[in-house]
Amino acid sequence: MIPYLKWRERLNEITPQDHRIGTDIMLIDEADNSRLDLALYSEPFKVDMTMAIIYEKGFVRAKINMVEYKIETPSVLIIVNDSIFQPLEYSEELKSKIIVMSREFSNSMFSNLTELRSIRNSLYANSVFIMDNSNFVFDKYYDLLLNLVSSPKIKFKVEAARYMTLAMFYGYTFDEHGVYDNKNKSSRQEMLHSKFIDLLSRNFRTEREVKFYAEKLCVTPKYLSQVVSGLTGRTPSDYIEEFVVMESKALLNSTPMTIQQVSDELHFPSQSFFGKYFKRIVGMSPKEYRKSTKD
């Protein structure tokens, strides 16, 4: 069984019946067990659910969609469907609560309204909320949701949970993620870099040439390389390779796809070409990598 499914089954095992609505919503208190499971496995994997992890004590380091975060309490990490998650480090005293929402549940919220789709896209790019100790609203939201889930009397629990969650996003995360405020005070070079990363995140599966991104951004490849290298010390090609390899690793870890299917998913001309590309960067073949994650 692939590691991701083991991890997902573990979440299911440790969630009591009075902390869940079927598989649509699962609430996990003091989730040290799941934290330890994650700490034992440090390879990237794809997430097919939405999770809000409320950190109450300690710190965690993790990569979400290629961005590394050091998350200190009090804070909330929101990981949306199809994100790539890679745990890196956890403090021993870490305490957290987890709200798990199925793909179907979260899609039912984010698919209908333009503003909510904007929030989802924003969450994909920026997953961490730093909270104020005096106004830890996610903790209050968790308690309200737990009261709803554990009540034996309330009908239409899924619908009630959906509207409660919508209210949470409307009332708080709109301000945090600036859906209505598109003003960017960054320099032109920082803005170009940001646009490059956004464009890359949407196109790396099919486009691996710097020229493609430069043309889309209306600059020359040389200028794009100068800007990105000047700001980050890394070339656009470095970023392209990192996106492709991270996605490759996540698919090899998180799905039963064959290596040929992974190659096709990432639009390589052949499995052989994909294998050489992967080995050049990772140092081992896709088959060797998949085997190493199961040992």
Foldseek 3Di string as FASTA:
>chain_A
DFLVVVLVVVQVVQFDQLQDDPQFKTKFFQPVVSVVSLVVAFAKAFDQWKKKKAKAAWWFWKDKQNDIDIGGPRKIFIHHHGIIIGTDDTDPPITIMMIIGGNVLVCVQQVPDPLSVLLVVLCSVPGMGHDDPVCPPVVVLSVVLSVLSNDPPDPPSSVVNSVSVVCVCVVPVCVVSVSPDPDDPDDPLVVLVVVLSVVLSVPLLPDQDLQVSCVVSVHGSVVNQVSCCVVPVDGSNVVSLVSLLSQLRNCLRYHPDDLQVSCVSSPHPGSVVVQVSNCVPVVHGSVVSSVVSVD
